[in-house]
Amino acid sequence: MTQYATDLSESERHRVLASGRRRTVLNIIVGQTGPLELEDLATEVARAEFDGQPSTEATVGRVLASLHHRHLPILDEFGVVDYDSECKQVAVVATAPRRLVGHP
């Protein structure tokens, strides 16, 4: 059974937000009206992590692998984002931002 953001305990919220990369992902996708392609998200995360500098293809590739294999599955598991690993698209769950800070 999938756990949704409404069910997150304080400890689980801390786990979700412990990673700077996951916080960066959330900052990028909150407010998006539709899903983002994984490669576009990886490019934006790399840009954010390197102070807005253009990123090399290798850097974006490493960020993409990290998002795909580690960070997006965690965010998806806790119902914060919807990540379709087959289509390589990610979208924020509409109520996730409020619930991550502990508001119903």
C-alpha atoms as a PDB file:
ATOM      1  CA  MET A   1       0.000   0.000   0.000  1.00  0.00           C
ATOM      2  CA  THR A   2       1.370   3.409  -0.975  1.00  0.00           C
ATOM      3  CA  GLN A   3       1.870   5.889   1.820  1.00  0.00           C
ATOM      4  CA  TYR A   4       0.739   9.424   1.047  1.00  0.00           C
ATOM      5  CA  ALA A   5       2.114  12.731   2.276  1.00  0.00           C
ATOM      6  CA  THR A   6      -0.807  13.095   4.691  1.00  0.00           C
ATOM      7  CA  ASP A   7       0.499  10.061   6.575  1.00  0.00           C
ATOM      8  CA  LEU A   8       4.039  11.354   7.079  1.00  0.00           C
ATOM      9  CA  SER A   9       5.315  11.458  10.619  1.00  0.00           C
ATOM     10  CA  GLU A  10       7.784  14.116  11.706  1.00  0.00           C
ATOM     11  CA  SER A  11      10.591  11.569  11.382  1.00  0.00           C
ATOM     12  CA  GLU A  12       9.521  10.678   7.834  1.00  0.00           C
ATOM     13  CA  ARG A  13       9.318  14.356   6.858  1.00  0.00           C
ATOM     14  CA  HIS A  14      12.873  14.770   8.120  1.00  0.00           C
ATOM     15  CA  ARG A  15      13.991  11.765   6.052  1.00  0.00           C
ATOM     16  CA  VAL A  16      12.364  13.154   2.917  1.00  0.00           C
ATOM     17  CA  LEU A  17      13.871  16.611   3.421  1.00  0.00           C
ATOM     18  CA  ALA A  18      17.276  15.501   4.761  1.00  0.00           C
ATOM     19  CA  SER A  19      18.871  15.521   1.333  1.00  0.00           C
ATOM     20  CA  GLY A  20      19.765  18.835  -0.233  1.00  0.00           C
ATOM     21  CA  ARG A  21      19.193  17.301  -3.639  1.00  0.00           C
ATOM     22  CA  ARG A  22      15.629  16.296  -2.715  1.00  0.00           C
ATOM     23  CA  ARG A  23      14.961  19.794  -1.399  1.00  0.00           C
ATOM     24  CA  THR A  24      16.286  21.206  -4.678  1.00  0.00           C
ATOM     25  CA  VAL A  25      13.977  18.888  -6.637  1.00  0.00           C
ATOM     26  CA  LEU A  26      10.995  20.070  -4.627  1.00  0.00           C
ATOM     27  CA  ASN A  27      11.942  23.732  -5.096  1.00  0.00           C
ATOM     28  CA  ILE A  28      12.075  23.168  -8.846  1.00  0.00           C
ATOM     29  CA  ILE A  29       8.871  21.193  -9.299  1.00  0.00           C
ATOM     30  CA  VAL A  30       6.585  22.963  -6.816  1.00  0.00           C
ATOM     31  CA  GLY A  31       4.335  25.206  -8.857  1.00  0.00           C
ATOM     32  CA  GLN A  32       4.766  23.262 -12.093  1.00  0.00           C
ATOM     33  CA  THR A  33       1.459  22.719 -13.842  1.00  0.00           C
ATOM     34  CA  GLY A  34       2.435  19.389 -15.347  1.00  0.00           C
ATOM     35  CA  PRO A  35       5.066  16.685 -15.221  1.00  0.00           C
ATOM     36  CA  LEU A  36       8.715  17.369 -16.005  1.00  0.00           C
ATOM     37  CA  GLU A  37      10.936  15.127 -18.058  1.00  0.00           C
ATOM     38  CA  LEU A  38      13.645  13.540 -15.919  1.00  0.00           C
ATOM     39  CA  GLU A  39      16.425  14.921 -18.126  1.00  0.00           C
ATOM     40  CA  ASP A  40      15.036  18.466 -17.841  1.00  0.00           C
ATOM     41  CA  LEU A  41      14.774  18.100 -14.071  1.00  0.00           C
ATOM     42  CA  ALA A  42      18.352  16.768 -13.871  1.00  0.00           C
ATOM     43  CA  THR A  43      19.573  19.758 -15.896  1.00  0.00           C
ATOM     44  CA  GLU A  44      17.791  22.183 -13.555  1.00  0.00           C
ATOM     45  CA  VAL A  45      19.079  20.415 -10.430  1.00  0.00           C
ATOM     46  CA  ALA A  46      22.650  20.474 -11.757  1.00  0.00           C
ATOM     47  CA  ARG A  47      22.304  24.173 -12.594  1.00  0.00           C
ATOM     48  CA  ALA A  48      20.970  24.917  -9.090  1.00  0.00           C
ATOM     49  CA  GLU A  49      23.717  22.925  -7.401  1.00  0.00           C
ATOM     50  CA  PHE A  50      26.461  24.660  -9.387  1.00  0.00           C
ATOM     51  CA  ASP A  51      25.285  28.247  -8.820  1.00  0.00           C
ATOM     52  CA  GLY A  52      23.509  28.641 -12.137  1.00  0.00           C
ATOM     53  CA  GLN A  53      26.520  27.655 -14.219  1.00  0.00           C
ATOM     54  CA  PRO A  54      25.905  25.576 -17.341  1.00  0.00           C
ATOM     55  CA  SER A  55      26.526  21.917 -16.544  1.00  0.00           C
ATOM     56  CA  THR A  56      28.426  19.406 -18.589  1.00  0.00           C
ATOM     57  CA  GLU A  57      26.641  16.421 -20.068  1.00  0.00           C
ATOM     58  CA  ALA A  58      28.553  14.172 -17.652  1.00  0.00           C
ATOM     59  CA  THR A  59      27.412  16.202 -14.639  1.00  0.00           C
ATOM     60  CA  VAL A  60      23.786  16.126 -15.770  1.00  0.00           C
ATOM     61  CA  GLY A  61      24.145  12.378 -16.345  1.00  0.00           C
ATOM     62  CA  ARG A  62      25.370  11.826 -12.786  1.00  0.00           C
ATOM     63  CA  VAL A  63      22.552  13.958 -11.381  1.00  0.00           C
ATOM     64  CA  LEU A  64      20.028  12.100 -13.543  1.00  0.00           C
ATOM     65  CA  ALA A  65      21.273   8.712 -12.293  1.00  0.00           C
ATOM     66  CA  SER A  66      21.122   9.900  -8.693  1.00  0.00           C
ATOM     67  CA  LEU A  67      17.575  11.208  -9.138  1.00  0.00           C
ATOM     68  CA  HIS A  68      16.378   8.090 -10.951  1.00  0.00           C
ATOM     69  CA  HIS A  69      17.914   5.503  -8.626  1.00  0.00           C
ATOM     70  CA  ARG A  70      17.746   7.200  -5.256  1.00  0.00           C
ATOM     71  CA  HIS A  71      15.948  10.488  -4.734  1.00  0.00           C
ATOM     72  CA  LEU A  72      12.816  10.260  -6.876  1.00  0.00           C
ATOM     73  CA  PRO A  73      11.941   6.756  -5.631  1.00  0.00           C
ATOM     74  CA  ILE A  74      12.097   8.050  -2.039  1.00  0.00           C
ATOM     75  CA  LEU A  75       9.929  11.060  -2.857  1.00  0.00           C
ATOM     76  CA  ASP A  76       7.502   8.794  -4.720  1.00  0.00           C
ATOM     77  CA  GLU A  77       7.430   6.216  -1.914  1.00  0.00           C
ATOM     78  CA  PHE A  78       6.321   8.876   0.557  1.00  0.00           C
ATOM     79  CA  GLY A  79       3.703  10.305  -1.816  1.00  0.00           C
ATOM     80  CA  VAL A  80       5.435  13.643  -2.313  1.00  0.00           C
ATOM     81  CA  VAL A  81       5.882  13.256  -6.073  1.00  0.00           C
ATOM     82  CA  ASP A  82       4.520  10.984  -8.745  1.00  0.00           C
ATOM     83  CA  TYR A  83       7.505   9.478 -10.545  1.00  0.00           C
ATOM     84  CA  ASP A  84       6.939   7.373 -13.622  1.00  0.00           C
ATOM     85  CA  SER A  85      10.270   5.616 -14.070  1.00  0.00           C
ATOM     86  CA  GLU A  86       9.225   4.092 -17.390  1.00  0.00           C
ATOM     87  CA  CYS A  87       8.222   7.399 -18.983  1.00  0.00           C
ATOM     88  CA  LYS A  88      10.922   9.255 -17.022  1.00  0.00           C
ATOM     89  CA  GLN A  89       8.503  11.958 -15.841  1.00  0.00           C
ATOM     90  CA  VAL A  90       8.016  13.482 -12.407  1.00  0.00           C
ATOM     91  CA  ALA A  91       5.267  15.680 -10.993  1.00  0.00           C
ATOM     92  CA  VAL A  92       4.682  17.028  -7.504  1.00  0.00           C
ATOM     93  CA  VAL A  93       1.618  15.795  -5.629  1.00  0.00           C
ATOM     94  CA  ALA A  94      -0.563  18.906  -5.281  1.00  0.00           C
ATOM     95  CA  THR A  95      -0.848  18.819  -1.495  1.00  0.00           C
ATOM     96  CA  ALA A  96       2.728  17.763  -0.759  1.00  0.00           C
ATOM     97  CA  PRO A  97       4.293  21.174  -0.001  1.00  0.00           C
ATOM     98  CA  ARG A  98       1.862  21.954   2.839  1.00  0.00           C
ATOM     99  CA  ARG A  99       2.034  18.467   4.254  1.00  0.00           C
ATOM    100  CA  LEU A 100       5.810  18.371   4.264  1.00  0.00           C
ATOM    101  CA  VAL A 101       5.832  21.199   6.763  1.00  0.00           C
ATOM    102  CA  GLY A 102       3.315  19.390   8.948  1.00  0.00           C
ATOM    103  CA  HIS A 103       0.055  21.105   8.038  1.00  0.00           C
ATOM    104  CA  PRO A 104      -3.072  19.034   7.238  1.00  0.00           C
END
